[in-house]
């Protein structure tokens, strides 16, 4: 029981009416930055773990 194209279209129209186009683009931009920062944080965590594992193997 997924959402079809008509349901998604109706939801999009309602969201546009509530928030307006300018606010939606701003929210999309902020969401993109948040996802990018999250991915960078995950990569930094993986790099840090790899460095720690390398240091333990050398010791």
N, C-alpha and C. Protein backbone atom coordinates (compact mmCIF):
# COMPACT_ATOMS: atom_id res chain seq x y z
N UNK A 1 0.84 -1.18 0.00
CA UNK A 1 0.00 0.00 0.00
C UNK A 1 0.88 1.24 0.00
N UNK A 2 1.55 1.51 -1.11
CA UNK A 2 2.43 2.66 -1.21
C UNK A 2 1.70 3.89 -1.72
N UNK A 3 2.42 4.96 -1.76
CA UNK A 3 1.86 6.20 -2.28
C UNK A 3 2.05 6.25 -3.79
N UNK A 4 0.98 6.50 -4.48
CA UNK A 4 1.04 6.62 -5.93
C UNK A 4 1.38 8.04 -6.34
N UNK A 5 1.51 8.27 -7.64
CA UNK A 5 1.87 9.60 -8.12
C UNK A 5 0.81 10.66 -7.81
N UNK A 6 -0.47 10.28 -7.80
CA UNK A 6 -1.51 11.25 -7.48
C UNK A 6 -1.44 11.69 -6.02
N UNK A 7 -1.22 10.74 -5.13
CA UNK A 7 -1.12 11.08 -3.71
C UNK A 7 0.08 11.98 -3.46
N UNK A 8 1.23 11.64 -4.07
CA UNK A 8 2.43 12.46 -3.90
C UNK A 8 2.21 13.86 -4.45
N UNK A 9 1.52 13.97 -5.58
CA UNK A 9 1.23 15.28 -6.16
C UNK A 9 0.35 16.12 -5.25
N UNK A 10 -0.66 15.51 -4.67
CA UNK A 10 -1.55 16.24 -3.76
C UNK A 10 -0.79 16.70 -2.52
N UNK A 11 0.06 15.84 -1.99
CA UNK A 11 0.87 16.22 -0.82
C UNK A 11 1.79 17.38 -1.18
N UNK A 12 2.41 17.33 -2.35
CA UNK A 12 3.31 18.41 -2.78
C UNK A 12 2.57 19.73 -2.91
N UNK A 13 1.37 19.71 -3.48
CA UNK A 13 0.58 20.93 -3.62
C UNK A 13 0.22 21.50 -2.26
N UNK A 14 -0.18 20.65 -1.33
CA UNK A 14 -0.53 21.12 0.01
C UNK A 14 0.68 21.73 0.71
N UNK A 15 1.83 21.09 0.59
CA UNK A 15 3.06 21.62 1.20
C UNK A 15 3.41 22.97 0.59
N UNK A 16 3.29 23.10 -0.73
CA UNK A 16 3.58 24.37 -1.39
C UNK A 16 2.63 25.46 -0.92
N UNK A 17 1.37 25.13 -0.74
CA UNK A 17 0.40 26.11 -0.27
C UNK A 17 0.70 26.55 1.17
N UNK A 18 1.14 25.64 1.99
CA UNK A 18 1.42 25.96 3.39
C UNK A 18 2.70 26.77 3.53
N UNK A 19 3.78 26.32 2.91
CA UNK A 19 5.09 26.93 3.12
C UNK A 19 5.49 27.94 2.06
N UNK A 20 5.04 27.79 0.85
CA UNK A 20 5.48 28.67 -0.22
C UNK A 20 6.74 28.16 -0.88
N UNK A 21 6.96 28.58 -2.12
CA UNK A 21 8.08 28.08 -2.91
C UNK A 21 9.43 28.49 -2.31
N UNK A 22 9.54 29.74 -1.87
CA UNK A 22 10.82 30.23 -1.33
C UNK A 22 11.27 29.45 -0.12
N UNK A 23 10.33 29.18 0.75
CA UNK A 23 10.67 28.45 1.98
C UNK A 23 11.04 27.00 1.67
N UNK A 24 10.35 26.40 0.69
CA UNK A 24 10.64 25.01 0.32
C UNK A 24 12.06 24.89 -0.24
N UNK A 25 12.47 25.84 -1.08
CA UNK A 25 13.83 25.78 -1.62
C UNK A 25 14.86 25.95 -0.51
N UNK A 26 14.56 26.82 0.44
CA UNK A 26 15.48 27.02 1.57
C UNK A 26 15.58 25.74 2.41
N UNK A 27 14.45 25.10 2.66
CA UNK A 27 14.46 23.86 3.42
C UNK A 27 15.22 22.76 2.68
N UNK A 28 15.04 22.69 1.36
CA UNK A 28 15.77 21.71 0.57
C UNK A 28 17.27 21.93 0.63
N UNK A 29 17.66 23.19 0.56
CA UNK A 29 19.08 23.53 0.63
C UNK A 29 19.66 23.13 1.99
N UNK A 30 18.93 23.45 3.06
CA UNK A 30 19.40 23.10 4.40
C UNK A 30 19.45 21.59 4.59
N UNK A 31 18.49 20.88 4.04
CA UNK A 31 18.49 19.42 4.13
C UNK A 31 19.70 18.84 3.41
N UNK A 32 20.01 19.39 2.24
CA UNK A 32 21.19 18.93 1.50
C UNK A 32 22.48 19.15 2.26
N UNK A 33 22.60 20.31 2.90
CA UNK A 33 23.80 20.58 3.70
C UNK A 33 23.88 19.64 4.90
N UNK A 34 22.73 19.35 5.51
CA UNK A 34 22.71 18.45 6.66
C UNK A 34 23.14 17.04 6.27
N UNK A 35 22.64 16.55 5.16
CA UNK A 35 23.02 15.22 4.68
C UNK A 35 24.51 15.18 4.36
N UNK A 36 25.01 16.23 3.75
CA UNK A 36 26.43 16.30 3.41
C UNK A 36 27.29 16.28 4.67
N UNK A 37 26.89 17.06 5.68
CA UNK A 37 27.63 17.09 6.93
C UNK A 37 27.58 15.75 7.65
N UNK A 38 26.43 15.08 7.59
CA UNK A 38 26.29 13.77 8.20
C UNK A 38 27.22 12.76 7.54
N UNK A 39 27.24 12.77 6.22
CA UNK A 39 28.12 11.85 5.49
C UNK A 39 29.59 12.13 5.81
N UNK A 40 29.95 13.40 5.90
CA UNK A 40 31.33 13.76 6.24
C UNK A 40 31.68 13.28 7.64
N UNK A 41 30.73 13.41 8.56
CA UNK A 41 30.96 12.92 9.93
C UNK A 41 31.14 11.42 9.96
N UNK A 42 30.36 10.69 9.18
CA UNK A 42 30.53 9.24 9.11
C UNK A 42 31.90 8.88 8.57
N UNK A 43 32.32 9.58 7.52
CA UNK A 43 33.63 9.29 6.92
C UNK A 43 34.75 9.62 7.90
N UNK A 44 34.62 10.72 8.64
CA UNK A 44 35.64 11.07 9.63
C UNK A 44 35.72 10.01 10.72
N UNK A 45 34.55 9.49 11.13
CA UNK A 45 34.53 8.43 12.15
C UNK A 45 35.20 7.17 11.65
N UNK A 46 34.94 6.81 10.39
CA UNK A 46 35.58 5.62 9.82
C UNK A 46 37.09 5.80 9.74
N UNK A 47 37.52 7.00 9.32
CA UNK A 47 38.96 7.28 9.22
C UNK A 47 39.61 7.21 10.60
N UNK A 48 38.92 7.72 11.61
CA UNK A 48 39.46 7.70 12.96
C UNK A 48 39.59 6.27 13.47
N UNK A 49 38.59 5.45 13.21
CA UNK A 49 38.66 4.04 13.62
C UNK A 49 39.79 3.31 12.90
N UNK A 50 39.96 3.59 11.63
CA UNK A 50 41.03 2.96 10.87
C UNK A 50 42.39 3.36 11.42
N UNK A 51 42.54 4.64 11.80
CA UNK A 51 43.80 5.10 12.38
C UNK A 51 44.08 4.40 13.71
N UNK A 52 43.03 4.24 14.53
CA UNK A 52 43.20 3.58 15.82
C UNK A 52 43.57 2.12 15.64
N UNK A 53 42.94 1.44 14.68
CA UNK A 53 43.26 0.04 14.43
C UNK A 53 44.69 -0.11 13.92
N UNK A 54 45.12 0.84 13.09
CA UNK A 54 46.50 0.80 12.59
C UNK A 54 47.50 1.00 13.69
N UNK A 55 47.19 1.88 14.64
CA UNK A 55 48.09 2.13 15.75
C UNK A 55 48.16 0.91 16.67
N UNK A 56 47.05 0.21 16.85
CA UNK A 56 47.05 -0.97 17.71
C UNK A 56 47.85 -2.11 17.08
N UNK A 57 47.80 -2.24 15.76
CA UNK A 57 48.54 -3.30 15.08
C UNK A 57 50.04 -3.05 15.14
N UNK A 58 50.44 -1.78 15.13
CA UNK A 58 51.86 -1.45 15.17
C UNK A 58 52.43 -1.68 16.56
N UNK A 59 51.60 -1.56 17.59
CA UNK A 59 52.08 -1.68 18.98
C UNK A 59 52.30 -3.10 19.39
